[in-house]
Amino acid sequence: MENDDLKKAVALIENGSIDLALPIISGIIKSRIAQKRPNLLDSIDNLTKEMFTKFPKLVLVHL
């Protein structure tokens, strides 16, 4: 499932739809963080949006 979501996000970004890809990327990051540190989920939305807006390709490389 995560792999399919990541593929969708990459396709959206390649087509210039970064705003549509952001919720998908955020979901993937939240899922990964929830597995390791569930107490961090409260602030992850803002952090994800800020990071992804500034460095979309960098965020994708690390996923």
PDB file of N, CA and C in Angstrom:
ATOM      1  N   MET A   1       0.822  -1.195   0.000  1.00  0.00           N
ATOM      2  CA  MET A   1       0.000   0.000   0.000  1.00  0.00           C
ATOM      3  C   MET A   1       0.866   1.259   0.000  1.00  0.00           C
ATOM      4  N   GLU A   2       1.848   1.310   0.885  1.00  0.00           N
ATOM      5  CA  GLU A   2       2.700   2.488   0.955  1.00  0.00           C
ATOM      6  C   GLU A   2       3.436   2.703  -0.362  1.00  0.00           C
ATOM      7  N   ASN A   3       3.886   1.621  -0.965  1.00  0.00           N
ATOM      8  CA  ASN A   3       4.608   1.722  -2.228  1.00  0.00           C
ATOM      9  C   ASN A   3       3.702   2.300  -3.320  1.00  0.00           C
ATOM     10  N   ASP A   4       2.436   1.879  -3.347  1.00  0.00           N
ATOM     11  CA  ASP A   4       1.486   2.425  -4.327  1.00  0.00           C
ATOM     12  C   ASP A   4       1.249   3.910  -4.089  1.00  0.00           C
ATOM     13  N   ASP A   5       1.111   4.282  -2.819  1.00  0.00           N
ATOM     14  CA  ASP A   5       0.915   5.693  -2.478  1.00  0.00           C
ATOM     15  C   ASP A   5       2.119   6.525  -2.900  1.00  0.00           C
ATOM     16  N   LEU A   6       3.297   5.989  -2.680  1.00  0.00           N
ATOM     17  CA  LEU A   6       4.509   6.706  -3.062  1.00  0.00           C
ATOM     18  C   LEU A   6       4.575   6.902  -4.577  1.00  0.00           C
ATOM     19  N   LYS A   7       4.203   5.883  -5.317  1.00  0.00           N
ATOM     20  CA  LYS A   7       4.179   5.999  -6.784  1.00  0.00           C
ATOM     21  C   LYS A   7       3.192   7.070  -7.234  1.00  0.00           C
ATOM     22  N   LYS A   8       2.021   7.112  -6.584  1.00  0.00           N
ATOM     23  CA  LYS A   8       1.023   8.132  -6.916  1.00  0.00           C
ATOM     24  C   LYS A   8       1.574   9.527  -6.634  1.00  0.00           C
ATOM     25  N   ALA A   9       2.222   9.685  -5.492  1.00  0.00           N
ATOM     26  CA  ALA A   9       2.772  10.980  -5.117  1.00  0.00           C
ATOM     27  C   ALA A   9       3.840  11.434  -6.111  1.00  0.00           C
ATOM     28  N   VAL A  10       4.695  10.527  -6.499  1.00  0.00           N
ATOM     29  CA  VAL A  10       5.749  10.866  -7.463  1.00  0.00           C
ATOM     30  C   VAL A  10       5.131  11.298  -8.786  1.00  0.00           C
ATOM     31  N   ALA A  11       4.119  10.579  -9.240  1.00  0.00           N
ATOM     32  CA  ALA A  11       3.450  10.936 -10.497  1.00  0.00           C
ATOM     33  C   ALA A  11       2.811  12.318 -10.398  1.00  0.00           C
ATOM     34  N   LEU A  12       2.176  12.606  -9.278  1.00  0.00           N
ATOM     35  CA  LEU A  12       1.564  13.922  -9.093  1.00  0.00           C
ATOM     36  C   LEU A  12       2.608  15.025  -9.120  1.00  0.00           C
ATOM     37  N   ILE A  13       3.724  14.797  -8.457  1.00  0.00           N
ATOM     38  CA  ILE A  13       4.794  15.799  -8.420  1.00  0.00           C
ATOM     39  C   ILE A  13       5.374  16.021  -9.808  1.00  0.00           C
ATOM     40  N   GLU A  14       5.579  14.947 -10.527  1.00  0.00           N
ATOM     41  CA  GLU A  14       6.118  15.067 -11.878  1.00  0.00           C
ATOM     42  C   GLU A  14       5.174  15.843 -12.799  1.00  0.00           C
ATOM     43  N   ASN A  15       3.887  15.783 -12.490  1.00  0.00           N
ATOM     44  CA  ASN A  15       2.901  16.520 -13.283  1.00  0.00           C
ATOM     45  C   ASN A  15       2.638  17.912 -12.729  1.00  0.00           C
ATOM     46  N   GLY A  16       3.400  18.316 -11.711  1.00  0.00           N
ATOM     47  CA  GLY A  16       3.277  19.663 -11.166  1.00  0.00           C
ATOM     48  C   GLY A  16       2.192  19.833 -10.113  1.00  0.00           C
ATOM     49  N   SER A  17       1.653  18.737  -9.615  1.00  0.00           N
ATOM     50  CA  SER A  17       0.569  18.812  -8.627  1.00  0.00           C
ATOM     51  C   SER A  17       1.091  18.543  -7.217  1.00  0.00           C
ATOM     52  N   ILE A  18       2.000  19.367  -6.769  1.00  0.00           N
ATOM     53  CA  ILE A  18       2.606  19.180  -5.454  1.00  0.00           C
ATOM     54  C   ILE A  18       1.565  19.258  -4.349  1.00  0.00           C
ATOM     55  N   ASP A  19       0.593  20.148  -4.485  1.00  0.00           N
ATOM     56  CA  ASP A  19      -0.450  20.282  -3.457  1.00  0.00           C
ATOM     57  C   ASP A  19      -1.252  18.996  -3.288  1.00  0.00           C
ATOM     58  N   LEU A  20      -1.467  18.276  -4.368  1.00  0.00           N
ATOM     59  CA  LEU A  20      -2.210  17.012  -4.283  1.00  0.00           C
ATOM     60  C   LEU A  20      -1.345  15.888  -3.719  1.00  0.00           C
ATOM     61  N   ALA A  21      -0.053  15.987  -3.916  1.00  0.00           N
ATOM     62  CA  ALA A  21       0.862  14.953  -3.429  1.00  0.00           C
ATOM     63  C   ALA A  21       1.147  15.103  -1.932  1.00  0.00           C
ATOM     64  N   LEU A  22       1.020  16.305  -1.423  1.00  0.00           N
ATOM     65  CA  LEU A  22       1.361  16.562  -0.020  1.00  0.00           C
ATOM     66  C   LEU A  22       0.612  15.669   0.974  1.00  0.00           C
ATOM     67  N   PRO A  23      -0.706  15.497   0.863  1.00  0.00           N
ATOM     68  CA  PRO A  23      -1.388  14.614   1.824  1.00  0.00           C
ATOM     69  C   PRO A  23      -0.911  13.162   1.756  1.00  0.00           C
ATOM     70  N   ILE A  24      -0.553  12.718   0.583  1.00  0.00           N
ATOM     71  CA  ILE A  24      -0.067  11.346   0.427  1.00  0.00           C
ATOM     72  C   ILE A  24       1.277  11.191   1.127  1.00  0.00           C
ATOM     73  N   ILE A  25       2.178  12.143   0.867  1.00  0.00           N
ATOM     74  CA  ILE A  25       3.493  12.112   1.496  1.00  0.00           C
ATOM     75  C   ILE A  25       3.359  12.228   3.009  1.00  0.00           C
ATOM     76  N   SER A  26       2.498  13.103   3.443  1.00  0.00           N
ATOM     77  CA  SER A  26       2.272  13.282   4.876  1.00  0.00           C
ATOM     78  C   SER A  26       1.784  11.981   5.515  1.00  0.00           C
ATOM     79  N   GLY A  27       0.893  11.296   4.839  1.00  0.00           N
ATOM     80  CA  GLY A  27       0.382  10.025   5.346  1.00  0.00           C
ATOM     81  C   GLY A  27       1.467   8.974   5.476  1.00  0.00           C
ATOM     82  N   ILE A  28       2.350   8.909   4.498  1.00  0.00           N
ATOM     83  CA  ILE A  28       3.450   7.942   4.536  1.00  0.00           C
ATOM     84  C   ILE A  28       4.380   8.258   5.707  1.00  0.00           C
ATOM     85  N   ILE A  29       4.714   9.522   5.854  1.00  0.00           N
ATOM     86  CA  ILE A  29       5.606   9.924   6.940  1.00  0.00           C
ATOM     87  C   ILE A  29       4.955   9.646   8.293  1.00  0.00           C
ATOM     88  N   LYS A  30       3.676   9.984   8.421  1.00  0.00           N
ATOM     89  CA  LYS A  30       2.959   9.722   9.677  1.00  0.00           C
ATOM     90  C   LYS A  30       2.949   8.239  10.016  1.00  0.00           C
ATOM     91  N   SER A  31       2.713   7.434   9.028  1.00  0.00           N
ATOM     92  CA  SER A  31       2.673   5.991   9.246  1.00  0.00           C
ATOM     93  C   SER A  31       4.011   5.479   9.766  1.00  0.00           C
ATOM     94  N   ARG A  32       5.075   5.948   9.151  1.00  0.00           N
ATOM     95  CA  ARG A  32       6.407   5.518   9.579  1.00  0.00           C
ATOM     96  C   ARG A  32       6.743   6.018  10.976  1.00  0.00           C
ATOM     97  N   ILE A  33       6.378   7.243  11.269  1.00  0.00           N
ATOM     98  CA  ILE A  33       6.652   7.796  12.594  1.00  0.00           C
ATOM     99  C   ILE A  33       5.795   7.110  13.647  1.00  0.00           C
ATOM    100  N   ALA A  34       4.545   6.849  13.323  1.00  0.00           N
ATOM    101  CA  ALA A  34       3.635   6.211  14.286  1.00  0.00           C
ATOM    102  C   ALA A  34       4.163   4.858  14.738  1.00  0.00           C
ATOM    103  N   GLN A  35       4.852   4.186  13.858  1.00  0.00           N
ATOM    104  CA  GLN A  35       5.415   2.886  14.202  1.00  0.00           C
ATOM    105  C   GLN A  35       6.549   3.026  15.223  1.00  0.00           C
ATOM    106  N   LYS A  36       7.279   4.112  15.143  1.00  0.00           N
ATOM    107  CA  LYS A  36       8.452   4.273  16.005  1.00  0.00           C
ATOM    108  C   LYS A  36       8.218   5.206  17.186  1.00  0.00           C
ATOM    109  N   ARG A  37       7.511   6.303  16.952  1.00  0.00           N
ATOM    110  CA  ARG A  37       7.305   7.313  18.004  1.00  0.00           C
ATOM    111  C   ARG A  37       5.931   7.954  17.878  1.00  0.00           C
ATOM    112  N   PRO A  38       4.906   7.284  18.360  1.00  0.00           N
ATOM    113  CA  PRO A  38       3.540   7.795  18.200  1.00  0.00           C
ATOM    114  C   PRO A  38       3.293   9.153  18.864  1.00  0.00           C
ATOM    115  N   ASN A  39       4.075   9.511  19.853  1.00  0.00           N
ATOM    116  CA  ASN A  39       3.863  10.797  20.530  1.00  0.00           C
ATOM    117  C   ASN A  39       4.272  12.000  19.677  1.00  0.00           C
ATOM    118  N   LEU A  40       4.914  11.791  18.560  1.00  0.00           N
ATOM    119  CA  LEU A  40       5.352  12.901  17.704  1.00  0.00           C
ATOM    120  C   LEU A  40       4.324  13.294  16.639  1.00  0.00           C
ATOM    121  N   LEU A  41       3.235  12.557  16.545  1.00  0.00           N
ATOM    122  CA  LEU A  41       2.280  12.794  15.460  1.00  0.00           C
ATOM    123  C   LEU A  41       1.598  14.154  15.520  1.00  0.00           C
ATOM    124  N   ASP A  42       1.492  14.743  16.681  1.00  0.00           N
ATOM    125  CA  ASP A  42       0.802  16.029  16.805  1.00  0.00           C
ATOM    126  C   ASP A  42       1.439  17.128  15.962  1.00  0.00           C
ATOM    127  N   SER A  43       2.731  17.176  15.908  1.00  0.00           N
ATOM    128  CA  SER A  43       3.393  18.266  15.200  1.00  0.00           C
ATOM    129  C   SER A  43       3.880  17.883  13.802  1.00  0.00           C
ATOM    130  N   ILE A  44       3.656  16.658  13.393  1.00  0.00           N
ATOM    131  CA  ILE A  44       4.235  16.199  12.131  1.00  0.00           C
ATOM    132  C   ILE A  44       3.592  16.842  10.899  1.00  0.00           C
ATOM    133  N   ASP A  45       2.310  17.199  10.962  1.00  0.00           N
ATOM    134  CA  ASP A  45       1.661  17.828   9.804  1.00  0.00           C
ATOM    135  C   ASP A  45       2.358  19.110   9.384  1.00  0.00           C
ATOM    136  N   ASN A  46       2.596  19.981  10.342  1.00  0.00           N
ATOM    137  CA  ASN A  46       3.245  21.255  10.032  1.00  0.00           C
ATOM    138  C   ASN A  46       4.666  21.047   9.535  1.00  0.00           C
ATOM    139  N   LEU A  47       5.385  20.162  10.177  1.00  0.00           N
ATOM    140  CA  LEU A  47       6.759  19.889   9.778  1.00  0.00           C
ATOM    141  C   LEU A  47       6.811  19.302   8.366  1.00  0.00           C
ATOM    142  N   THR A  48       5.928  18.357   8.087  1.00  0.00           N
ATOM    143  CA  THR A  48       5.898  17.731   6.765  1.00  0.00           C
ATOM    144  C   THR A  48       5.596  18.759   5.684  1.00  0.00           C
ATOM    145  N   LYS A  49       4.594  19.587   5.927  1.00  0.00           N
ATOM    146  CA  LYS A  49       4.218  20.595   4.935  1.00  0.00           C
ATOM    147  C   LYS A  49       5.373  21.555   4.677  1.00  0.00           C
ATOM    148  N   GLU A  50       6.025  22.003   5.728  1.00  0.00           N
ATOM    149  CA  GLU A  50       7.129  22.935   5.578  1.00  0.00           C
ATOM    150  C   GLU A  50       8.297  22.303   4.820  1.00  0.00           C
ATOM    151  N   MET A  51       8.658  21.093   5.204  1.00  0.00           N
ATOM    152  CA  MET A  51       9.776  20.412   4.545  1.00  0.00           C
ATOM    153  C   MET A  51       9.458  20.129   3.083  1.00  0.00           C
ATOM    154  N   PHE A  52       8.262  19.613   2.839  1.00  0.00           N
ATOM    155  CA  PHE A  52       7.905  19.208   1.489  1.00  0.00           C
ATOM    156  C   PHE A  52       7.748  20.407   0.564  1.00  0.00           C
ATOM    157  N   THR A  53       7.248  21.511   1.094  1.00  0.00           N
ATOM    158  CA  THR A  53       7.093  22.714   0.286  1.00  0.00           C
ATOM    159  C   THR A  53       8.454  23.258  -0.145  1.00  0.00           C
ATOM    160  N   LYS A  54       9.412  23.195   0.762  1.00  0.00           N
ATOM    161  CA  LYS A  54      10.733  23.738   0.464  1.00  0.00           C
ATOM    162  C   LYS A  54      11.620  22.764  -0.313  1.00  0.00           C
ATOM    163  N   PHE A  55      11.496  21.461  -0.006  1.00  0.00           N
ATOM    164  CA  PHE A  55      12.411  20.474  -0.580  1.00  0.00           C
ATOM    165  C   PHE A  55      11.673  19.212  -1.035  1.00  0.00           C
ATOM    166  N   PRO A  56      10.769  19.299  -2.015  1.00  0.00           N
ATOM    167  CA  PRO A  56       9.975  18.121  -2.378  1.00  0.00           C
ATOM    168  C   PRO A  56      10.813  16.931  -2.846  1.00  0.00           C
ATOM    169  N   LYS A  57      11.819  17.171  -3.635  1.00  0.00           N
ATOM    170  CA  LYS A  57      12.624  16.054  -4.139  1.00  0.00           C
ATOM    171  C   LYS A  57      13.452  15.420  -3.025  1.00  0.00           C
ATOM    172  N   LEU A  58      13.930  16.225  -2.122  1.00  0.00           N
ATOM    173  CA  LEU A  58      14.706  15.704  -0.993  1.00  0.00           C
ATOM    174  C   LEU A  58      13.847  14.803  -0.122  1.00  0.00           C
ATOM    175  N   VAL A  59      12.611  15.216   0.138  1.00  0.00           N
ATOM    176  CA  VAL A  59      11.698  14.400   0.946  1.00  0.00           C
ATOM    177  C   VAL A  59      11.433  13.075   0.253  1.00  0.00           C
ATOM    178  N   LEU A  60      11.196  13.100  -1.034  1.00  0.00           N
ATOM    179  CA  LEU A  60      10.915  11.862  -1.762  1.00  0.00           C
ATOM    180  C   LEU A  60      12.107  10.922  -1.771  1.00  0.00           C
ATOM    181  N   VAL A  61      13.292  11.455  -1.880  1.00  0.00           N
ATOM    182  CA  VAL A  61      14.492  10.615  -1.882  1.00  0.00           C
ATOM    183  C   VAL A  61      14.609   9.844  -0.575  1.00  0.00           C
ATOM    184  N   HIS A  62      14.235  10.467   0.523  1.00  0.00           N
ATOM    185  CA  HIS A  62      14.359   9.814   1.824  1.00  0.00           C
ATOM    186  C   HIS A  62      13.238   8.841   2.120  1.00  0.00           C
ATOM    187  N   LEU A  63      12.196   8.831   1.298  1.00  0.00           N
ATOM    188  CA  LEU A  63      11.116   7.870   1.494  1.00  0.00           C
ATOM    189  C   LEU A  63      11.478   6.583   0.811  1.00  0.00           C
TER     190      LEU A  63
END
